[in-house]
Protein backbone atom coordinates (compact mmCIF):
# COMPACT_ATOMS: atom_id res chain seq x y z
CA MET A 1 31.45 104.08 196.13
CA ILE A 2 30.81 107.20 198.70
CA THR A 3 27.44 109.18 197.31
CA ALA A 4 25.57 111.73 199.16
CA LEU A 5 22.84 109.16 199.67
CA ALA A 6 25.13 107.23 201.82
CA PRO A 7 23.75 108.78 205.29
CA VAL A 8 20.64 108.77 204.31
CA ARG A 9 20.58 105.02 203.34
CA TRP A 10 22.64 104.41 206.43
CA PHE A 11 19.88 105.95 208.86
CA ARG A 12 17.38 103.75 207.17
CA ASP A 13 19.17 100.44 207.03
CA PHE A 14 21.81 100.12 209.67
CA GLY A 15 20.82 98.00 212.42
CA ARG A 16 18.06 96.35 210.61
CA PRO A 17 17.51 92.49 210.62
CA PRO A 18 19.54 90.25 209.69
CA ARG A 19 21.94 92.74 211.93
CA ILE A 20 20.50 93.07 215.61
CA LEU A 21 21.08 96.96 216.93
CA GLY A 22 20.75 95.70 220.46
CA LEU A 23 24.00 93.67 220.40
CA ASP A 24 25.92 96.46 218.33
CA VAL A 25 24.55 99.17 221.21
CA ALA A 26 25.97 96.78 224.07
CA ARG A 27 29.58 96.37 222.88
CA GLY A 28 29.48 100.16 222.34
CA LEU A 29 29.06 100.34 225.60
CA ALA A 30 31.47 97.95 226.55
CA ILE A 31 34.16 99.91 224.40
CA LEU A 32 33.23 103.31 226.54
CA GLY A 33 33.06 101.26 229.49
CA MET A 34 36.53 100.14 228.77
CA ALA A 35 37.75 103.37 227.93
CA GLY A 36 36.48 104.81 231.20
CA ALA A 37 38.24 101.88 233.10
CA HIS A 38 41.66 103.06 231.79
CA ILE A 39 41.42 106.65 231.73
CA GLY A 40 38.71 107.80 233.65
CA GLU A 41 38.62 109.03 237.47
CA THR A 42 36.31 107.34 239.31
CA GLU A 43 35.29 107.17 243.06
CA ALA A 44 34.84 104.10 245.25
CA PHE A 45 31.10 102.62 244.28
CA GLU A 46 27.94 103.29 246.58
CA TRP A 47 24.55 102.49 245.80
CA THR A 48 23.23 105.51 247.84
CA ASN A 49 25.15 108.49 245.36
CA PRO A 50 24.75 108.39 242.02
CA ALA A 51 28.39 110.08 241.47
CA THR A 52 30.04 106.87 242.18
CA TRP A 53 28.41 105.15 239.85
CA THR A 54 30.70 105.40 237.16
CA ASP A 55 33.00 103.24 238.96
CA LEU A 56 30.78 100.58 237.66
CA VAL A 57 32.87 100.65 234.30
CA HIS A 58 36.10 98.59 236.34
CA GLY A 59 36.00 94.73 235.61
CA ARG A 60 32.39 94.60 234.35
CA SER A 61 32.77 96.73 230.79
CA SER A 62 35.58 93.64 229.88
CA ILE A 63 33.03 90.94 231.46
CA LEU A 64 30.42 92.52 229.05
CA PHE A 65 32.81 92.58 226.10
CA ALA A 66 33.52 88.67 226.51
CA LEU A 67 30.26 87.68 227.29
CA LEU A 68 29.29 89.37 223.71
CA ALA A 69 32.25 87.60 222.25
CA GLY A 70 30.16 84.51 222.89
CA VAL A 71 27.24 85.98 221.35
CA SER A 72 28.79 86.99 218.34
CA ILE A 73 30.95 83.38 217.91
CA ALA A 74 27.03 82.07 217.55
CA LEU A 75 26.00 83.91 215.43
CA MET A 76 28.87 83.94 212.90
CA THR A 77 28.48 79.46 213.34
CA GLY A 78 24.73 79.41 212.91
CA ARG A 79 22.72 81.50 215.24
CA SER A 80 20.06 79.35 217.21
CA VAL A 81 21.34 76.29 214.46
CA LEU A 82 24.00 74.04 215.73
CA PRO A 83 26.42 73.87 212.62
CA GLU A 84 26.02 70.62 210.39
CA PRO A 85 28.67 68.40 211.07
CA GLU A 86 30.24 68.97 207.49
CA ARG A 87 30.24 72.64 207.94
CA LEU A 88 32.70 72.29 211.22
CA PRO A 89 36.27 72.08 209.56
CA SER A 90 35.48 74.97 207.53
CA ILE A 91 33.71 77.13 210.71
CA ARG A 92 37.14 75.65 212.76
CA LEU A 93 39.68 77.52 210.68
CA ASN A 94 37.44 80.34 210.36
CA LEU A 95 37.61 80.79 214.01
CA VAL A 96 41.52 80.05 214.27
CA GLY A 97 42.25 82.56 211.62
CA ARG A 98 39.88 84.95 213.41
CA GLY A 99 41.71 84.34 216.89
CA ALA A 100 45.15 84.69 215.32
CA VAL A 101 44.65 88.14 213.68
CA ILE A 102 43.09 89.36 216.85
CA PHE A 103 45.73 87.96 219.23
CA LEU A 104 48.47 89.76 216.43
CA ILE A 105 46.74 93.12 216.77
CA GLY A 106 46.83 92.56 220.83
CA LEU A 107 50.54 92.20 220.53
CA ALA A 108 50.70 95.02 218.29
CA LEU A 109 48.78 97.23 220.93
CA GLU A 110 51.05 95.76 223.56
CA MET A 111 53.99 96.83 221.95
CA LEU A 112 52.98 100.23 222.10
CA ASN A 113 53.88 99.98 226.06
CA THR A 114 50.68 101.39 227.26
CA PRO A 115 49.82 101.00 230.93
CA ILE A 116 46.69 98.93 230.41
CA ALA A 117 46.37 95.28 230.12
CA VAL A 118 44.93 94.59 226.47
CA ILE A 119 42.18 92.20 226.78
CA LEU A 120 42.67 91.31 222.93
CA THR A 121 45.65 88.65 223.41
CA LEU A 122 43.24 86.36 225.45
CA TYR A 123 40.37 87.36 223.38
CA GLY A 124 42.12 85.71 220.29
CA ILE A 125 42.68 82.33 222.21
CA LEU A 126 39.26 82.20 223.26
CA TYR A 127 37.98 82.37 219.67
CA VAL A 128 40.12 78.84 219.31
CA ALA A 129 39.28 77.79 222.99
CA VAL A 130 35.67 77.81 222.30
CA ILE A 131 35.86 75.14 219.36
CA PRO A 132 34.94 72.09 220.90
CA PHE A 133 31.82 73.31 222.18
CA LEU A 134 30.26 74.79 218.69
CA ARG A 135 27.90 71.94 218.83
CA TRP A 136 26.79 71.91 222.24
CA ARG A 137 23.30 72.77 223.30
CA PRO A 138 22.35 75.72 225.02
CA TRP A 139 21.90 73.86 228.06
CA GLN A 140 25.18 72.20 228.11
CA LEU A 141 26.85 75.34 227.49
CA LEU A 142 25.12 76.61 230.43
CA LEU A 143 25.57 73.87 232.52
CA ALA A 144 29.29 74.43 231.66
CA ALA A 145 29.30 77.98 231.96
CA ALA A 146 28.14 77.47 235.74
CA VAL A 147 30.55 74.67 236.32
CA LEU A 148 33.49 77.15 235.51
CA ALA A 149 32.01 79.92 237.18
CA LEU A 150 31.25 78.10 240.33
CA LEU A 151 34.29 75.80 240.76
CA GLY A 152 36.95 77.37 238.61
CA PRO A 153 38.32 80.18 240.85
CA ALA A 154 38.23 77.74 243.90
CA LEU A 155 40.38 74.97 241.77
CA LEU A 156 42.73 77.40 240.61
CA ALA A 157 43.43 79.01 244.16
CA PHE A 158 44.02 75.66 245.78
CA LEU A 159 45.67 74.44 242.86
CA GLY A 160 48.34 77.66 243.22
CA ALA A 161 48.47 77.21 247.27
CA VAL A 162 49.21 73.83 247.03
CA MET A 163 51.94 73.97 244.67
CA LEU A 164 53.39 77.24 246.17
CA HIS A 165 52.25 79.77 243.85
CA PRO A 166 53.62 78.80 240.96
CA PHE A 167 53.89 81.29 237.93
CA GLY A 168 55.45 81.14 234.89
CA THR A 169 54.94 83.30 231.24
CA GLY A 170 52.13 80.83 230.32
CA ILE A 171 50.36 80.39 233.86
CA GLY A 172 50.54 83.95 234.62
CA PHE A 173 49.12 84.80 230.99
CA VAL A 174 46.37 81.99 230.95
CA LEU A 175 45.59 81.13 234.67
CA TYR A 176 46.72 83.65 237.23
CA GLY A 177 47.02 86.90 234.86
CA THR A 178 44.51 89.92 234.96
CA TYR A 179 42.27 87.84 232.54
CA PRO A 180 42.10 84.14 234.31
CA ILE A 181 40.71 81.31 231.68
CA THR A 182 37.91 80.01 234.13
CA VAL A 183 36.30 83.23 234.50
CA TRP A 184 36.37 84.17 230.54
CA LEU A 185 35.75 80.94 228.94
CA ALA A 186 32.57 80.73 231.09
CA LEU A 187 31.26 84.34 230.23
CA VAL A 188 32.29 83.06 226.37
CA LEU A 189 29.93 79.88 226.63
CA GLY A 190 27.40 81.68 228.41
CA GLY A 191 27.35 84.17 225.58
CA LEU A 192 27.25 81.30 222.94
CA ALA A 193 24.02 79.48 224.84
CA LEU A 194 22.52 82.97 224.71
CA GLY A 195 23.40 83.43 221.05
CA ARG A 196 21.73 79.49 220.40
CA MET A 197 18.52 80.94 222.16
CA HIS A 198 17.18 83.50 219.46
CA VAL A 199 18.60 86.64 220.95
CA GLU A 200 16.92 88.51 218.71
CA ARG A 201 13.55 87.94 220.21
CA VAL A 202 11.82 90.19 222.76
CA ARG A 203 10.92 87.10 225.21
CA THR A 204 14.42 85.98 225.30
CA ALA A 205 15.21 89.19 226.44
CA VAL A 206 12.75 89.35 228.82
CA ILE A 207 14.05 85.98 230.43
CA ALA A 208 17.71 87.44 229.87
CA LEU A 209 17.01 90.40 231.77
CA ALA A 210 15.34 88.57 234.62
CA VAL A 211 18.21 85.89 234.88
CA GLY A 212 20.92 88.65 234.84
CA VAL A 213 19.36 90.74 237.71
CA VAL A 214 19.15 87.09 239.87
CA LEU A 215 22.50 86.19 239.22
CA ALA A 216 23.59 90.13 240.23
CA VAL A 217 21.61 89.80 243.49
CA VAL A 218 23.31 86.55 243.96
CA GLY A 219 27.15 87.16 243.17
CA TYR A 220 26.88 90.52 245.03
CA GLY A 221 25.18 89.08 248.05
CA LEU A 222 27.90 86.70 247.98
CA GLY A 223 30.52 88.92 247.92
CA ALA A 224 29.12 91.05 250.44
CA ILE A 225 28.46 88.05 253.18
CA GLY A 226 32.23 87.72 252.39
CA GLN A 227 33.43 91.01 253.10
CA ALA A 228 31.28 90.99 256.18
CA ALA A 229 32.65 87.83 257.35
CA GLY A 230 36.31 89.40 257.02
CA LEU A 231 36.85 87.04 253.89
CA SER A 232 38.21 90.10 251.66
CA THR A 233 40.57 88.67 249.17
CA PRO A 234 44.35 88.64 250.16
CA ALA A 235 46.67 89.34 247.24
CA GLU A 236 48.29 86.25 246.92
CA TYR A 237 44.88 84.78 246.36
CA SER A 238 44.00 86.60 243.88
CA SER A 239 43.51 85.30 240.35
CA SER A 240 44.91 88.62 238.57
CA SER A 241 48.32 88.57 240.98
CA PHE A 242 51.47 87.03 240.58
CA VAL A 243 54.15 86.05 243.09
CA ASP A 244 55.22 88.81 244.82
CA SER A 245 58.25 88.97 247.47
CA SER A 246 55.82 90.34 249.94
CA PHE A 247 53.64 87.56 249.89
CA VAL A 248 56.11 84.88 250.51
CA ASP A 249 56.71 83.18 253.92
CA SER A 250 60.16 82.79 254.97
CA SER A 251 60.49 79.16 254.86
CA PHE A 252 60.85 80.16 250.96
CA VAL A 253 63.52 80.69 248.59
CA GLU A 254 64.31 81.32 245.07
CA SER A 255 66.13 79.09 242.94
CA ASP A 256 67.85 80.08 239.86
CA GLY A 257 64.67 79.47 237.43
CA GLY A 258 62.61 81.71 239.31
CA ALA A 259 60.53 78.66 240.99
CA LEU A 260 59.88 78.99 244.95
CA SER A 261 61.45 76.01 246.80
CA MET A 262 61.67 75.14 250.32
CA PRO A 263 65.22 74.90 252.25
CA GLY A 264 66.05 70.96 252.62
CA GLY A 265 63.76 70.63 249.74
CA TRP A 266 60.61 68.86 249.63
CA GLU A 267 61.05 68.00 253.24
CA GLY A 268 59.77 71.53 254.19
CA TYR A 269 56.97 71.18 252.12
CA PRO A 270 54.62 70.77 254.86
CA GLN A 271 55.73 73.86 256.92
CA ALA A 272 55.40 75.73 253.23
CA LEU A 273 52.12 74.38 252.51
CA ALA A 274 50.62 75.47 255.60
CA ALA A 275 52.01 79.02 255.21
CA SER A 276 50.23 78.81 251.65
CA ASP A 277 47.08 78.20 253.56
CA PRO A 278 44.81 76.40 250.50
CA LEU A 279 41.51 76.50 252.57
CA GLY A 280 41.92 80.24 253.18
CA ALA A 281 42.53 80.39 249.41
CA VAL A 282 39.70 78.57 248.39
CA LEU A 283 37.04 80.59 250.56
CA ALA A 284 39.06 83.91 249.40
CA ALA A 285 38.62 82.79 245.80
CA VAL A 286 34.96 82.05 246.45
CA PHE A 287 34.10 85.05 248.04
CA ALA A 288 36.29 87.37 245.81
CA VAL A 289 33.90 90.31 244.13
CA GLU A 290 36.26 92.90 243.52
CA PRO A 291 36.90 93.93 239.81
CA HIS A 292 39.28 91.33 237.81
CA SER A 293 39.62 89.41 241.03
CA GLY A 294 38.37 86.42 239.17
CA GLY A 295 36.74 85.13 242.02
CA THR A 296 32.67 83.33 241.92
CA ALA A 297 31.28 86.28 243.61
CA GLU A 298 32.46 88.76 240.78
CA VAL A 299 31.64 85.85 238.13
CA LEU A 300 28.48 85.84 239.40
CA GLY A 301 27.56 89.22 239.89
CA SER A 302 29.26 91.14 236.95
CA GLY A 303 28.28 87.98 234.48
CA GLY A 304 24.82 88.97 235.68
CA PHE A 305 25.29 92.65 235.36
CA ALA A 306 26.18 92.33 232.09
CA LEU A 307 23.65 90.03 231.08
CA ALA A 308 21.29 92.59 232.38
CA VAL A 309 23.06 95.30 230.40
CA ILE A 310 22.80 93.18 227.05
CA ALA A 311 19.11 92.43 227.58
CA LEU A 312 18.59 96.21 228.34
CA CYS A 313 20.08 97.11 225.02
CA LEU A 314 18.41 94.66 223.16
CA LEU A 315 15.07 95.72 224.23
CA LEU A 316 15.46 99.45 223.98
CA SER A 317 17.30 99.21 220.46
CA ARG A 318 13.61 98.70 219.20
CA PRO A 319 11.89 102.03 220.50
CA LEU A 320 14.89 104.06 220.43
CA ARG A 321 16.45 102.85 217.37
CA TRP A 322 17.59 106.44 216.06
CA VAL A 323 18.53 107.57 219.32
CA LEU A 324 21.02 104.43 219.90
CA LEU A 325 22.40 104.29 216.31
CA PRO A 326 25.66 105.94 216.92
CA LEU A 327 26.13 103.35 219.83
CA GLY A 328 25.39 101.07 217.82
CA ALA A 329 28.07 102.18 214.98
CA LEU A 330 30.65 102.32 217.63
CA GLY A 331 29.91 98.84 218.76
CA SER A 332 29.92 97.43 215.11
CA MET A 333 33.34 97.53 214.70
CA PRO A 334 34.87 97.19 218.33
CA LEU A 335 38.24 96.42 217.23
CA THR A 336 38.81 99.30 215.83
CA ALA A 337 37.60 101.35 218.33
CA TYR A 338 39.53 99.66 221.05
CA SER A 339 42.68 100.15 219.16
CA ALA A 340 42.05 103.70 218.37
CA HIS A 341 41.41 104.56 222.24
CA VAL A 342 44.65 102.60 223.06
CA LEU A 343 46.34 104.66 220.19
CA SER A 344 44.71 107.77 222.05
CA ILE A 345 46.54 107.07 225.04
CA VAL A 346 50.09 107.04 223.50
CA LEU A 347 49.46 110.14 221.46
CA VAL A 348 48.29 111.97 224.36
CA GLY A 349 50.79 110.56 227.18
CA GLY A 350 53.55 109.27 224.88
CA PRO A 351 55.18 105.75 224.75
CA GLY A 352 54.65 104.46 228.08
CA GLY A 353 53.09 107.31 229.54
CA PHE A 354 49.54 107.79 230.92
CA PHE A 355 46.53 110.28 231.09
CA SER A 356 43.78 109.87 233.18
CA SER A 357 40.77 112.43 233.28
CA ASN A 358 37.13 112.36 232.96
CA GLY A 359 37.48 114.99 230.33
CA PHE A 360 39.80 112.44 228.19
CA TRP A 361 37.28 110.02 228.90
CA ALA A 362 34.39 112.26 227.45
CA ALA A 363 35.96 113.25 224.44
CA THR A 364 37.49 109.91 223.69
CA ALA A 365 34.02 108.56 223.91
CA VAL A 366 32.85 111.81 221.77
CA GLY A 367 35.66 111.33 219.23
CA LEU A 368 34.59 107.43 219.02
CA LEU A 369 31.14 107.73 218.69
CA VAL A 370 31.49 110.74 215.59
CA VAL A 371 34.43 109.09 214.01
CA THR A 372 32.83 105.62 213.89
CA THR A 373 29.27 106.64 212.91
CA LEU A 374 30.84 108.51 210.13
CA TRP A 375 32.75 105.95 209.01
CA SER A 376 29.85 103.45 208.99
CA MET A 377 27.92 105.78 206.64
CA PHE A 378 30.01 106.34 204.48
CA PHE A 379 32.34 102.68 204.60
CA GLY A 380 30.51 100.04 206.33
CA ARG A 381 32.52 97.94 208.37
CA GLY A 382 35.52 98.93 210.38
CA PRO A 383 38.89 98.60 208.96
CA LEU A 384 40.54 95.90 211.34
CA GLU A 385 36.94 94.43 210.90
CA ARG A 386 37.96 93.93 207.55
CA LEU A 387 41.01 92.48 208.17
CA VAL A 388 40.07 89.78 210.38
CA GLY A 389 37.60 88.76 208.16
CA ARG A 390 39.94 88.31 205.70
CA GLY A 391 42.55 86.20 207.77
CA ALA A 392 39.63 84.11 208.29
CA ALA A 393 38.64 83.69 205.02
CA ALA A 394 42.09 82.90 204.07
CA MET A 395 42.19 80.29 207.28
CA ALA A 396 38.68 78.44 205.87
CA LEU A 397 40.09 78.66 202.16
CA LEU A 398 43.34 76.42 203.01
CA PRO A 399 41.42 73.20 202.46
CA LEU A 400 40.28 74.25 199.32
CA ARG A 401 43.52 75.48 197.85
CA ALA A 402 45.38 72.15 199.13
CA ALA A 403 42.57 69.85 197.40
CA SER A 404 43.27 71.76 194.12
CA THR A 405 46.84 71.65 194.14
CA SER A 406 46.52 68.14 195.24
CA ASP A 407 44.24 67.65 192.22
CA ALA A 408 46.35 69.41 189.81
CA GLY A 409 49.44 67.40 190.64
CA HIS A 410 47.30 63.92 190.10
CA ARG A 411 46.52 65.30 186.86
CA LEU A 412 49.63 65.84 185.85
CA GLU A 413 51.07 62.63 187.04
CA GLN A 414 48.28 61.33 184.18
């Protein structure tokens, strides 16, 4: 019920425990950063030129979003306490339902035919992919994330080269698309570990800030070494690239099914393999640091950057609570805000159109902050967040309904 006292109560209560305002603020920054990556006009980043720092939104905003997804999953499945085995069936179904609704929202946004790579489809899949890890301890999650981050990009690049750059709907979507699973699952597992380690505590935030800075230095340092050594990422080795005719050696031919093959069948494989250069692909994947390259250097550098941002938001949200409340409101309904941003691109540019300017970015930011703050004051949860919650609850209740139906059937038989 809407009352005149709603804003007063909101300013007094929003962001108080058990809700963690710092995480909402970080989500809000991720949404604004992704909006900037989609519609902003930025120059190539230079440390010595603050005017270029807006370029940081590219790649890092979506990585921040994925890391926060892992933290959210931890909070909804027990926080710092591992879920009990008897709760797992319900939790699994809840995550499946949540992921399915997010996936469908992502598909709907893709149907709008905007030129942006919608992250929500993979985001929905990650809610399902994380299910086997729900009872893993933080050190196990961190180990798995480290293995994926360090070995995943190189392994994908090697397999892609050895298999002569395979492609298809599933491969392009999960392995070699804009959001390769090795990168994003590593980030979600890292976020899940962070959420299990009392993320609300100041000590945890301070440690996370230090670790994030170290990872950023290592990752970006690795990328700088690669660039100095001439190991910049060729397009054919980037995890975000599909096979393009300009990358294919003359020894390749395209079959009717779209796959690449060699004249004379597999007898020409050694020549094609040499042209594919597996070693070069592996080195490029390790040292790749460009946004959405999916390289080890990017995962470490941008992942560390995102972790430091989360830690700073957790620390600053305590003394700066009043100032950060609008960002917190935006971050409390990320699906709604993200979808509204995509819709705004359609309304301004038309179906399939695109409008890029920093003025549009600023207007989008202000509009999202104002609308989400007012909505949070008077209505609470965002509309799409309510939809996702209902879908998750409905999925989690399926076993109870099935059991109830079975019991009723038995009673009728008796």
